[in-house]
Amino acid sequence: MKSPLINKARHLRNNPTLSEKRLWNILRCKRLNGFKFRRKHPIYPYIVDFACLSNGLIIEIYDGYRDWE
């Protein structure tokens, strides 16, 4: 059984905001200087928007309203 945090991260990955889609298009596939990013990565007790684990970098985006269910 998956943890609730992982299930929530999966749900958020499958339902990104427009800002998250645009930034992910830049970060994915090591397009930004070869750095590998993960999106909606669970780091207990949080779910971060984007994380580059090798460099210890986290990017959070605030783009207004999201339906949190």
PDB file of N, CA and C in Angstrom:
ATOM      1  N   MET A   1       0.831  -1.186   0.000  1.00  0.00           N
ATOM      2  CA  MET A   1       0.000   0.000   0.000  1.00  0.00           C
ATOM      3  C   MET A   1       0.875   1.249   0.000  1.00  0.00           C
ATOM      4  N   LYS A   2       0.597   2.162  -0.907  1.00  0.00           N
ATOM      5  CA  LYS A   2       1.351   3.402  -1.011  1.00  0.00           C
ATOM      6  C   LYS A   2       0.948   4.362   0.100  1.00  0.00           C
ATOM      7  N   SER A   3       1.883   5.205   0.494  1.00  0.00           N
ATOM      8  CA  SER A   3       1.575   6.181   1.534  1.00  0.00           C
ATOM      9  C   SER A   3       0.682   7.278   0.956  1.00  0.00           C
ATOM     10  N   PRO A   4      -0.091   7.949   1.797  1.00  0.00           N
ATOM     11  CA  PRO A   4      -0.934   9.045   1.313  1.00  0.00           C
ATOM     12  C   PRO A   4      -0.129  10.158   0.651  1.00  0.00           C
ATOM     13  N   LEU A   5       1.104  10.393   1.119  1.00  0.00           N
ATOM     14  CA  LEU A   5       1.946  11.431   0.535  1.00  0.00           C
ATOM     15  C   LEU A   5       2.308  11.087  -0.905  1.00  0.00           C
ATOM     16  N   ILE A   6       2.647   9.841  -1.159  1.00  0.00           N
ATOM     17  CA  ILE A   6       2.990   9.411  -2.525  1.00  0.00           C
ATOM     18  C   ILE A   6       1.761   9.471  -3.423  1.00  0.00           C
ATOM     19  N   ASN A   7       0.624   9.063  -2.908  1.00  0.00           N
ATOM     20  CA  ASN A   7      -0.605   9.133  -3.700  1.00  0.00           C
ATOM     21  C   ASN A   7      -0.954  10.574  -4.056  1.00  0.00           C
ATOM     22  N   LYS A   8      -0.779  11.496  -3.108  1.00  0.00           N
ATOM     23  CA  LYS A   8      -1.062  12.908  -3.363  1.00  0.00           C
ATOM     24  C   LYS A   8      -0.083  13.464  -4.385  1.00  0.00           C
ATOM     25  N   ALA A   9       1.197  13.097  -4.289  1.00  0.00           N
ATOM     26  CA  ALA A   9       2.205  13.552  -5.252  1.00  0.00           C
ATOM     27  C   ALA A   9       1.848  13.063  -6.655  1.00  0.00           C
ATOM     28  N   ARG A  10       1.416  11.838  -6.758  1.00  0.00           N
ATOM     29  CA  ARG A  10       1.026  11.291  -8.058  1.00  0.00           C
ATOM     30  C   ARG A  10      -0.166  12.071  -8.629  1.00  0.00           C
ATOM     31  N   HIS A  11      -1.134  12.352  -7.767  1.00  0.00           N
ATOM     32  CA  HIS A  11      -2.303  13.123  -8.208  1.00  0.00           C
ATOM     33  C   HIS A  11      -1.883  14.513  -8.704  1.00  0.00           C
ATOM     34  N   LEU A  12      -0.984  15.165  -7.984  1.00  0.00           N
ATOM     35  CA  LEU A  12      -0.527  16.500  -8.386  1.00  0.00           C
ATOM     36  C   LEU A  12       0.275  16.455  -9.685  1.00  0.00           C
ATOM     37  N   ARG A  13       1.081  15.415  -9.872  1.00  0.00           N
ATOM     38  CA  ARG A  13       1.829  15.275 -11.134  1.00  0.00           C
ATOM     39  C   ARG A  13       0.894  15.121 -12.316  1.00  0.00           C
ATOM     40  N   ASN A  14      -0.204  14.417 -12.107  1.00  0.00           N
ATOM     41  CA  ASN A  14      -1.156  14.179 -13.192  1.00  0.00           C
ATOM     42  C   ASN A  14      -2.074  15.361 -13.456  1.00  0.00           C
ATOM     43  N   ASN A  15      -2.066  16.368 -12.581  1.00  0.00           N
ATOM     44  CA  ASN A  15      -2.935  17.530 -12.720  1.00  0.00           C
ATOM     45  C   ASN A  15      -2.156  18.825 -12.493  1.00  0.00           C
ATOM     46  N   PRO A  16      -1.161  19.104 -13.336  1.00  0.00           N
ATOM     47  CA  PRO A  16      -0.329  20.293 -13.113  1.00  0.00           C
ATOM     48  C   PRO A  16      -1.063  21.583 -13.502  1.00  0.00           C
ATOM     49  N   THR A  17      -0.618  22.681 -12.899  1.00  0.00           N
ATOM     50  CA  THR A  17      -1.128  23.986 -13.288  1.00  0.00           C
ATOM     51  C   THR A  17      -0.405  24.416 -14.568  1.00  0.00           C
ATOM     52  N   LEU A  18      -0.885  25.474 -15.188  1.00  0.00           N
ATOM     53  CA  LEU A  18      -0.262  25.959 -16.419  1.00  0.00           C
ATOM     54  C   LEU A  18       1.189  26.383 -16.169  1.00  0.00           C
ATOM     55  N   SER A  19       1.437  27.055 -15.061  1.00  0.00           N
ATOM     56  CA  SER A  19       2.808  27.479 -14.730  1.00  0.00           C
ATOM     57  C   SER A  19       3.731  26.283 -14.540  1.00  0.00           C
ATOM     58  N   GLU A  20       3.240  25.240 -13.877  1.00  0.00           N
ATOM     59  CA  GLU A  20       4.040  24.033 -13.677  1.00  0.00           C
ATOM     60  C   GLU A  20       4.334  23.342 -15.006  1.00  0.00           C
ATOM     61  N   LYS A  21       3.360  23.308 -15.900  1.00  0.00           N
ATOM     62  CA  LYS A  21       3.587  22.705 -17.224  1.00  0.00           C
ATOM     63  C   LYS A  21       4.671  23.446 -17.978  1.00  0.00           C
ATOM     64  N   ARG A  22       4.614  24.768 -17.925  1.00  0.00           N
ATOM     65  CA  ARG A  22       5.595  25.582 -18.668  1.00  0.00           C
ATOM     66  C   ARG A  22       7.003  25.407 -18.106  1.00  0.00           C
ATOM     67  N   LEU A  23       7.130  25.429 -16.793  1.00  0.00           N
ATOM     68  CA  LEU A  23       8.455  25.261 -16.201  1.00  0.00           C
ATOM     69  C   LEU A  23       8.972  23.844 -16.407  1.00  0.00           C
ATOM     70  N   TRP A  24       8.100  22.852 -16.292  1.00  0.00           N
ATOM     71  CA  TRP A  24       8.531  21.465 -16.489  1.00  0.00           C
ATOM     72  C   TRP A  24       9.050  21.258 -17.907  1.00  0.00           C
ATOM     73  N   ASN A  25       8.478  21.945 -18.871  1.00  0.00           N
ATOM     74  CA  ASN A  25       8.946  21.833 -20.248  1.00  0.00           C
ATOM     75  C   ASN A  25      10.396  22.309 -20.382  1.00  0.00           C
ATOM     76  N   ILE A  26      10.807  23.232 -19.525  1.00  0.00           N
ATOM     77  CA  ILE A  26      12.186  23.729 -19.527  1.00  0.00           C
ATOM     78  C   ILE A  26      13.114  22.787 -18.747  1.00  0.00           C
ATOM     79  N   LEU A  27      12.628  22.244 -17.638  1.00  0.00           N
ATOM     80  CA  LEU A  27      13.479  21.456 -16.741  1.00  0.00           C
ATOM     81  C   LEU A  27      13.617  19.990 -17.126  1.00  0.00           C
ATOM     82  N   ARG A  28      12.640  19.437 -17.820  1.00  0.00           N
ATOM     83  CA  ARG A  28      12.621  17.991 -18.076  1.00  0.00           C
ATOM     84  C   ARG A  28      13.755  17.553 -19.002  1.00  0.00           C
ATOM     85  N   CYS A  29      14.076  16.301 -18.926  1.00  0.00           N
ATOM     86  CA  CYS A  29      15.089  15.660 -19.801  1.00  0.00           C
ATOM     87  C   CYS A  29      16.455  16.351 -19.745  1.00  0.00           C
ATOM     88  N   LYS A  30      16.806  16.860 -18.571  1.00  0.00           N
ATOM     89  CA  LYS A  30      18.121  17.506 -18.361  1.00  0.00           C
ATOM     90  C   LYS A  30      18.361  18.661 -19.332  1.00  0.00           C
ATOM     91  N   ARG A  31      17.305  19.379 -19.692  1.00  0.00           N
ATOM     92  CA  ARG A  31      17.436  20.497 -20.635  1.00  0.00           C
ATOM     93  C   ARG A  31      18.108  21.722 -20.040  1.00  0.00           C
ATOM     94  N   LEU A  32      18.092  21.856 -18.723  1.00  0.00           N
ATOM     95  CA  LEU A  32      18.698  23.010 -18.070  1.00  0.00           C
ATOM     96  C   LEU A  32      20.110  22.653 -17.631  1.00  0.00           C
ATOM     97  N   ASN A  33      21.076  22.902 -18.492  1.00  0.00           N
ATOM     98  CA  ASN A  33      22.499  22.658 -18.209  1.00  0.00           C
ATOM     99  C   ASN A  33      22.804  21.247 -17.733  1.00  0.00           C
ATOM    100  N   GLY A  34      22.006  20.271 -18.129  1.00  0.00           N
ATOM    101  CA  GLY A  34      22.260  18.886 -17.788  1.00  0.00           C
ATOM    102  C   GLY A  34      21.829  18.469 -16.392  1.00  0.00           C
ATOM    103  N   PHE A  35      21.141  19.346 -15.667  1.00  0.00           N
ATOM    104  CA  PHE A  35      20.676  19.008 -14.323  1.00  0.00           C
ATOM    105  C   PHE A  35      19.397  18.192 -14.393  1.00  0.00           C
ATOM    106  N   LYS A  36      19.320  17.145 -13.586  1.00  0.00           N
ATOM    107  CA  LYS A  36      18.137  16.296 -13.544  1.00  0.00           C
ATOM    108  C   LYS A  36      17.180  16.801 -12.469  1.00  0.00           C
ATOM    109  N   PHE A  37      15.949  17.067 -12.873  1.00  0.00           N
ATOM    110  CA  PHE A  37      14.918  17.524 -11.955  1.00  0.00           C
ATOM    111  C   PHE A  37      13.817  16.485 -11.847  1.00  0.00           C
ATOM    112  N   ARG A  38      13.193  16.446 -10.674  1.00  0.00           N
ATOM    113  CA  ARG A  38      11.992  15.649 -10.452  1.00  0.00           C
ATOM    114  C   ARG A  38      10.866  16.628 -10.191  1.00  0.00           C
ATOM    115  N   ARG A  39       9.659  16.261 -10.570  1.00  0.00           N
ATOM    116  CA  ARG A  39       8.519  17.139 -10.288  1.00  0.00           C
ATOM    117  C   ARG A  39       7.594  16.473  -9.292  1.00  0.00           C
ATOM    118  N   LYS A  40       7.003  17.299  -8.449  1.00  0.00           N
ATOM    119  CA  LYS A  40       6.103  16.831  -7.392  1.00  0.00           C
ATOM    120  C   LYS A  40       6.741  15.697  -6.612  1.00  0.00           C
ATOM    121  N   HIS A  41       7.907  15.986  -6.084  1.00  0.00           N
ATOM    122  CA  HIS A  41       8.701  14.995  -5.362  1.00  0.00           C
ATOM    123  C   HIS A  41       8.380  15.044  -3.875  1.00  0.00           C
ATOM    124  N   PRO A  42       7.963  13.919  -3.269  1.00  0.00           N
ATOM    125  CA  PRO A  42       7.674  13.928  -1.836  1.00  0.00           C
ATOM    126  C   PRO A  42       8.948  13.940  -0.990  1.00  0.00           C
ATOM    127  N   ILE A  43       9.045  14.928  -0.132  1.00  0.00           N
ATOM    128  CA  ILE A  43      10.097  15.016   0.872  1.00  0.00           C
ATOM    129  C   ILE A  43       9.349  15.236   2.174  1.00  0.00           C
ATOM    130  N   TYR A  44       9.177  14.174   2.943  1.00  0.00           N
ATOM    131  CA  TYR A  44       8.289  14.187   4.092  1.00  0.00           C
ATOM    132  C   TYR A  44       8.563  15.365   5.008  1.00  0.00           C
ATOM    133  N   PRO A  45       7.566  16.113   5.412  1.00  0.00           N
ATOM    134  CA  PRO A  45       6.128  15.944   5.206  1.00  0.00           C
ATOM    135  C   PRO A  45       5.593  16.765   4.040  1.00  0.00           C
ATOM    136  N   TYR A  46       6.456  17.191   3.115  1.00  0.00           N
ATOM    137  CA  TYR A  46       6.059  18.080   2.023  1.00  0.00           C
ATOM    138  C   TYR A  46       6.075  17.364   0.679  1.00  0.00           C
ATOM    139  N   ILE A  47       5.458  18.013  -0.299  1.00  0.00           N
ATOM    140  CA  ILE A  47       5.584  17.622  -1.700  1.00  0.00           C
ATOM    141  C   ILE A  47       6.089  18.862  -2.414  1.00  0.00           C
ATOM    142  N   VAL A  48       7.325  18.810  -2.888  1.00  0.00           N
ATOM    143  CA  VAL A  48       7.914  19.977  -3.533  1.00  0.00           C
ATOM    144  C   VAL A  48       7.576  19.968  -5.015  1.00  0.00           C
ATOM    145  N   ASP A  49       7.479  21.164  -5.602  1.00  0.00           N
ATOM    146  CA  ASP A  49       7.115  21.256  -7.015  1.00  0.00           C
ATOM    147  C   ASP A  49       8.199  20.648  -7.908  1.00  0.00           C
ATOM    148  N   PHE A  50       9.430  21.111  -7.743  1.00  0.00           N
ATOM    149  CA  PHE A  50      10.544  20.601  -8.539  1.00  0.00           C
ATOM    150  C   PHE A  50      11.760  20.455  -7.641  1.00  0.00           C
ATOM    151  N   ALA A  51      12.526  19.385  -7.844  1.00  0.00           N
ATOM    152  CA  ALA A  51      13.703  19.150  -7.017  1.00  0.00           C
ATOM    153  C   ALA A  51      14.849  18.629  -7.880  1.00  0.00           C
ATOM    154  N   CYS A  52      16.023  19.212  -7.677  1.00  0.00           N
ATOM    155  CA  CYS A  52      17.263  18.704  -8.260  1.00  0.00           C
ATOM    156  C   CYS A  52      18.032  18.119  -7.081  1.00  0.00           C
ATOM    157  N   LEU A  53      17.905  16.819  -6.886  1.00  0.00           N
ATOM    158  CA  LEU A  53      18.459  16.174  -5.694  1.00  0.00           C
ATOM    159  C   LEU A  53      19.981  16.219  -5.656  1.00  0.00           C
ATOM    160  N   SER A  54      20.638  16.130  -6.807  1.00  0.00           N
ATOM    161  CA  SER A  54      22.102  16.111  -6.822  1.00  0.00           C
ATOM    162  C   SER A  54      22.698  17.434  -6.344  1.00  0.00           C
ATOM    163  N   ASN A  55      21.961  18.530  -6.502  1.00  0.00           N
ATOM    164  CA  ASN A  55      22.460  19.837  -6.088  1.00  0.00           C
ATOM    165  C   ASN A  55      21.725  20.399  -4.879  1.00  0.00           C
ATOM    166  N   GLY A  56      20.752  19.660  -4.361  1.00  0.00           N
ATOM    167  CA  GLY A  56      20.008  20.126  -3.197  1.00  0.00           C
ATOM    168  C   GLY A  56      19.161  21.355  -3.475  1.00  0.00           C
ATOM    169  N   LEU A  57      18.625  21.449  -4.685  1.00  0.00           N
ATOM    170  CA  LEU A  57      17.829  22.610  -5.086  1.00  0.00           C
ATOM    171  C   LEU A  57      16.358  22.237  -5.166  1.00  0.00           C
ATOM    172  N   ILE A  58      15.517  23.068  -4.568  1.00  0.00           N
ATOM    173  CA  ILE A  58      14.066  22.890  -4.638  1.00  0.00           C
ATOM    174  C   ILE A  58      13.471  24.153  -5.224  1.00  0.00           C
ATOM    175  N   ILE A  59      12.546  23.995  -6.167  1.00  0.00           N
ATOM    176  CA  ILE A  59      11.837  25.124  -6.766  1.00  0.00           C
ATOM    177  C   ILE A  59      10.366  24.978  -6.433  1.00  0.00           C
ATOM    178  N   GLU A  60       9.806  26.008  -5.826  1.00  0.00           N
ATOM    179  CA  GLU A  60       8.381  26.054  -5.523  1.00  0.00           C
ATOM    180  C   GLU A  60       7.749  27.156  -6.362  1.00  0.00           C
ATOM    181  N   ILE A  61       6.597  26.879  -6.928  1.00  0.00           N
ATOM    182  CA  ILE A  61       5.888  27.851  -7.758  1.00  0.00           C
ATOM    183  C   ILE A  61       4.588  28.225  -7.071  1.00  0.00           C
ATOM    184  N   TYR A  62       4.347  29.504  -6.982  1.00  0.00           N
ATOM    185  CA  TYR A  62       3.051  29.954  -6.506  1.00  0.00           C
ATOM    186  C   TYR A  62       2.342  30.599  -7.686  1.00  0.00           C
ATOM    187  N   ASP A  63       1.258  30.002  -8.118  1.00  0.00           N
ATOM    188  CA  ASP A  63       0.538  30.565  -9.263  1.00  0.00           C
ATOM    189  C   ASP A  63      -0.940  30.726  -8.965  1.00  0.00           C
ATOM    190  N   GLY A  64      -1.246  30.983  -7.705  1.00  0.00           N
ATOM    191  CA  GLY A  64      -2.625  31.277  -7.354  1.00  0.00           C
ATOM    192  C   GLY A  64      -3.399  30.063  -6.907  1.00  0.00           C
ATOM    193  N   TYR A  65      -4.594  29.950  -7.368  1.00  0.00           N
ATOM    194  CA  TYR A  65      -5.551  28.967  -6.885  1.00  0.00           C
ATOM    195  C   TYR A  65      -5.296  27.565  -7.435  1.00  0.00           C
ATOM    196  N   ARG A  66      -5.466  26.563  -6.585  1.00  0.00           N
ATOM    197  CA  ARG A  66      -5.476  25.172  -7.000  1.00  0.00           C
ATOM    198  C   ARG A  66      -6.558  24.488  -6.184  1.00  0.00           C
ATOM    199  N   ASP A  67      -7.315  23.639  -6.837  1.00  0.00           N
ATOM    200  CA  ASP A  67      -8.377  22.903  -6.149  1.00  0.00           C
ATOM    201  C   ASP A  67      -7.729  21.759  -5.391  1.00  0.00           C
ATOM    202  N   TRP A  68      -7.661  21.851  -4.059  1.00  0.00           N
ATOM    203  CA  TRP A  68      -6.966  20.861  -3.242  1.00  0.00           C
ATOM    204  C   TRP A  68      -7.804  19.664  -2.876  1.00  0.00           C
ATOM    205  N   GLU A  69      -9.042  19.647  -3.203  1.00  0.00           N
ATOM    206  CA  GLU A  69      -9.943  18.517  -2.916  1.00  0.00           C
ATOM    207  C   GLU A  69     -10.026  18.207  -1.455  1.00  0.00           C
TER     208      GLU A  69
END
